[in-house]
Structure formats: C-alpha cells, structure tokens
Amino acid sequence: MRSIKTCIDCGRFLTQDEIALNKKLVSRELREYKCLACLSQDFGCEVADLEIKIAEFKEQGCTLFI
C-alpha cells in the first residue's frame, strides 16, 4: 500500500502527478514534495503552467507520470 504524501509547505494531500512533477523538475531523489500551488510559487509561474507541463510530459511518455 502506498503511503499518503502531503506538501511540505502547506500540508495539502498530493496527487501522483504532483509527486511526479516534483521529481521531474527538481530531483528524482526527492523524499519531500510540494503541491502545484507551492511549486508554482517557487518557480514563479502559474499553476496552469505546471498543469500544462504535466500534460506535455504524459504525452511524451515520461514514465514518472504512469
């Protein structure tokens, strides 16, 4: 059974896509993750921009997003 992960900044429950995006954009070695809202603040972009990147990575067949 997979453990439930939460954002290290705000405590919100994370989706698999959010965890995968953290690993793709920051480091595959991460053990603590951020939600899209907190990650977007770190990168200085909108949440919608990160959602677009998730869709792009899925279309490219990135195995982190399976």
N, C-alpha and C. Protein backbone atom coordinates (compact mmCIF):
# COMPACT_ATOMS: atom_id res chain seq x y z
N MET A 1 0.84 -1.18 0.00
CA MET A 1 0.00 0.00 0.00
C MET A 1 0.88 1.25 0.00
N ARG A 2 0.54 2.21 -0.82
CA ARG A 2 1.35 3.42 -0.91
C ARG A 2 0.95 4.37 0.21
N SER A 3 1.96 5.04 0.75
CA SER A 3 1.68 6.00 1.82
C SER A 3 1.17 7.30 1.22
N ILE A 4 0.36 8.00 1.98
CA ILE A 4 -0.21 9.27 1.54
C ILE A 4 0.84 10.35 1.77
N LYS A 5 1.13 11.12 0.74
CA LYS A 5 2.12 12.18 0.81
C LYS A 5 1.41 13.53 0.92
N THR A 6 2.04 14.44 1.66
CA THR A 6 1.50 15.79 1.80
C THR A 6 2.57 16.81 1.44
N CYS A 7 2.13 17.99 1.07
CA CYS A 7 3.02 19.10 0.71
C CYS A 7 3.83 19.52 1.94
N ILE A 8 5.12 19.71 1.74
CA ILE A 8 5.96 20.11 2.88
C ILE A 8 5.74 21.56 3.29
N ASP A 9 5.13 22.36 2.43
CA ASP A 9 4.87 23.76 2.77
C ASP A 9 3.50 23.98 3.40
N CYS A 10 2.45 23.44 2.77
CA CYS A 10 1.09 23.74 3.23
C CYS A 10 0.34 22.54 3.81
N GLY A 11 0.86 21.34 3.64
CA GLY A 11 0.24 20.16 4.23
C GLY A 11 -0.87 19.53 3.39
N ARG A 12 -1.14 20.08 2.20
CA ARG A 12 -2.19 19.55 1.33
C ARG A 12 -1.81 18.17 0.82
N PHE A 13 -2.81 17.27 0.69
CA PHE A 13 -2.57 15.94 0.13
C PHE A 13 -2.18 16.06 -1.33
N LEU A 14 -1.20 15.26 -1.75
CA LEU A 14 -0.66 15.34 -3.10
C LEU A 14 -1.19 14.23 -4.00
N THR A 15 -1.28 14.54 -5.28
CA THR A 15 -1.64 13.53 -6.28
C THR A 15 -0.35 12.90 -6.80
N GLN A 16 -0.48 11.79 -7.49
CA GLN A 16 0.68 11.15 -8.11
C GLN A 16 1.33 12.07 -9.13
N ASP A 17 0.52 12.83 -9.86
CA ASP A 17 1.06 13.76 -10.86
C ASP A 17 1.90 14.85 -10.20
N GLU A 18 1.47 15.34 -9.05
CA GLU A 18 2.24 16.36 -8.34
C GLU A 18 3.59 15.80 -7.88
N ILE A 19 3.58 14.60 -7.37
CA ILE A 19 4.82 13.95 -6.93
C ILE A 19 5.74 13.74 -8.13
N ALA A 20 5.18 13.27 -9.24
CA ALA A 20 5.97 13.03 -10.45
C ALA A 20 6.57 14.33 -10.97
N LEU A 21 5.81 15.42 -10.94
CA LEU A 21 6.31 16.71 -11.42
C LEU A 21 7.47 17.20 -10.55
N ASN A 22 7.35 17.04 -9.25
CA ASN A 22 8.45 17.40 -8.34
C ASN A 22 9.71 16.64 -8.72
N LYS A 23 9.57 15.35 -8.96
CA LYS A 23 10.72 14.53 -9.32
C LYS A 23 11.29 14.94 -10.68
N LYS A 24 10.43 15.27 -11.62
CA LYS A 24 10.87 15.64 -12.96
C LYS A 24 11.58 17.01 -12.96
N LEU A 25 11.03 17.98 -12.26
CA LEU A 25 11.57 19.33 -12.31
C LEU A 25 12.65 19.62 -11.27
N VAL A 26 12.62 18.92 -10.14
CA VAL A 26 13.56 19.23 -9.06
C VAL A 26 14.63 18.15 -8.96
N SER A 27 14.23 16.93 -8.58
CA SER A 27 15.19 15.83 -8.45
C SER A 27 14.44 14.52 -8.26
N ARG A 28 14.91 13.49 -8.93
CA ARG A 28 14.29 12.18 -8.76
C ARG A 28 14.56 11.60 -7.38
N GLU A 29 15.51 12.16 -6.67
CA GLU A 29 15.88 11.67 -5.34
C GLU A 29 15.05 12.29 -4.21
N LEU A 30 14.11 13.17 -4.55
CA LEU A 30 13.29 13.84 -3.53
C LEU A 30 12.54 12.84 -2.66
N ARG A 31 12.39 13.19 -1.41
CA ARG A 31 11.56 12.41 -0.48
C ARG A 31 10.46 13.27 0.12
N GLU A 32 10.55 14.59 -0.10
CA GLU A 32 9.53 15.53 0.35
C GLU A 32 9.10 16.34 -0.86
N TYR A 33 7.80 16.60 -0.97
CA TYR A 33 7.26 17.18 -2.19
C TYR A 33 6.39 18.38 -1.87
N LYS A 34 6.11 19.16 -2.95
CA LYS A 34 5.24 20.33 -2.82
C LYS A 34 4.04 20.17 -3.75
N CYS A 35 2.92 20.76 -3.36
CA CYS A 35 1.74 20.77 -4.21
C CYS A 35 1.97 21.74 -5.37
N LEU A 36 1.08 21.73 -6.35
CA LEU A 36 1.25 22.60 -7.51
C LEU A 36 1.27 24.07 -7.13
N ALA A 37 0.44 24.46 -6.17
CA ALA A 37 0.38 25.87 -5.76
C ALA A 37 1.72 26.32 -5.16
N CYS A 38 2.27 25.54 -4.27
CA CYS A 38 3.55 25.90 -3.64
C CYS A 38 4.70 25.79 -4.63
N LEU A 39 4.67 24.79 -5.50
CA LEU A 39 5.70 24.63 -6.51
C LEU A 39 5.68 25.80 -7.50
N SER A 40 4.48 26.25 -7.86
CA SER A 40 4.37 27.38 -8.79
C SER A 40 4.95 28.65 -8.18
N GLN A 41 4.80 28.83 -6.88
CA GLN A 41 5.41 29.99 -6.22
C GLN A 41 6.93 29.91 -6.29
N ASP A 42 7.48 28.72 -6.07
CA ASP A 42 8.93 28.54 -6.15
C ASP A 42 9.47 28.85 -7.54
N PHE A 43 8.73 28.43 -8.57
CA PHE A 43 9.18 28.62 -9.95
C PHE A 43 8.73 29.96 -10.54
N GLY A 44 7.89 30.70 -9.83
CA GLY A 44 7.44 31.99 -10.32
C GLY A 44 6.54 31.87 -11.54
N CYS A 45 5.65 30.89 -11.52
CA CYS A 45 4.73 30.69 -12.64
C CYS A 45 3.32 30.43 -12.10
N GLU A 46 2.38 30.23 -12.99
CA GLU A 46 1.00 29.93 -12.61
C GLU A 46 0.81 28.42 -12.48
N VAL A 47 -0.15 28.01 -11.68
CA VAL A 47 -0.48 26.60 -11.53
C VAL A 47 -0.85 26.00 -12.89
N ALA A 48 -1.56 26.79 -13.70
CA ALA A 48 -1.96 26.31 -15.03
C ALA A 48 -0.75 25.96 -15.89
N ASP A 49 0.34 26.69 -15.73
CA ASP A 49 1.57 26.38 -16.47
C ASP A 49 2.10 25.01 -16.09
N LEU A 50 2.06 24.70 -14.80
CA LEU A 50 2.53 23.38 -14.34
C LEU A 50 1.60 22.27 -14.81
N GLU A 51 0.30 22.55 -14.85
CA GLU A 51 -0.65 21.56 -15.35
C GLU A 51 -0.40 21.27 -16.83
N ILE A 52 -0.03 22.29 -17.59
CA ILE A 52 0.32 22.10 -19.00
C ILE A 52 1.57 21.23 -19.12
N LYS A 53 2.56 21.48 -18.26
CA LYS A 53 3.78 20.67 -18.29
C LYS A 53 3.48 19.21 -17.97
N ILE A 54 2.59 18.96 -17.02
CA ILE A 54 2.20 17.59 -16.69
C ILE A 54 1.62 16.91 -17.92
N ALA A 55 0.72 17.60 -18.61
CA ALA A 55 0.11 17.03 -19.82
C ALA A 55 1.17 16.77 -20.89
N GLU A 56 2.11 17.69 -21.05
CA GLU A 56 3.17 17.50 -22.04
C GLU A 56 4.04 16.29 -21.71
N PHE A 57 4.42 16.16 -20.44
CA PHE A 57 5.26 15.03 -20.04
C PHE A 57 4.51 13.70 -20.24
N LYS A 58 3.22 13.69 -19.97
CA LYS A 58 2.42 12.49 -20.20
C LYS A 58 2.38 12.14 -21.69
N GLU A 59 2.17 13.15 -22.53
CA GLU A 59 2.13 12.93 -23.99
C GLU A 59 3.47 12.42 -24.50
N GLN A 60 4.57 12.86 -23.89
CA GLN A 60 5.89 12.42 -24.28
C GLN A 60 6.19 10.99 -23.81
N GLY A 61 5.34 10.48 -22.92
CA GLY A 61 5.52 9.12 -22.42
C GLY A 61 6.47 9.01 -21.22
N CYS A 62 6.67 10.11 -20.51
CA CYS A 62 7.53 10.08 -19.34
C CYS A 62 7.01 9.05 -18.33
N THR A 63 7.86 8.14 -17.93
CA THR A 63 7.44 7.04 -17.05
C THR A 63 7.13 7.48 -15.62
N LEU A 64 7.53 8.68 -15.24
CA LEU A 64 7.18 9.18 -13.91
C LEU A 64 5.67 9.43 -13.79
N PHE A 65 5.00 9.65 -14.91
CA PHE A 65 3.59 10.03 -14.91
C PHE A 65 2.66 8.88 -15.27
N ILE A 66 3.10 7.67 -15.00
CA ILE A 66 2.24 6.49 -15.29
C ILE A 66 1.41 6.14 -14.09
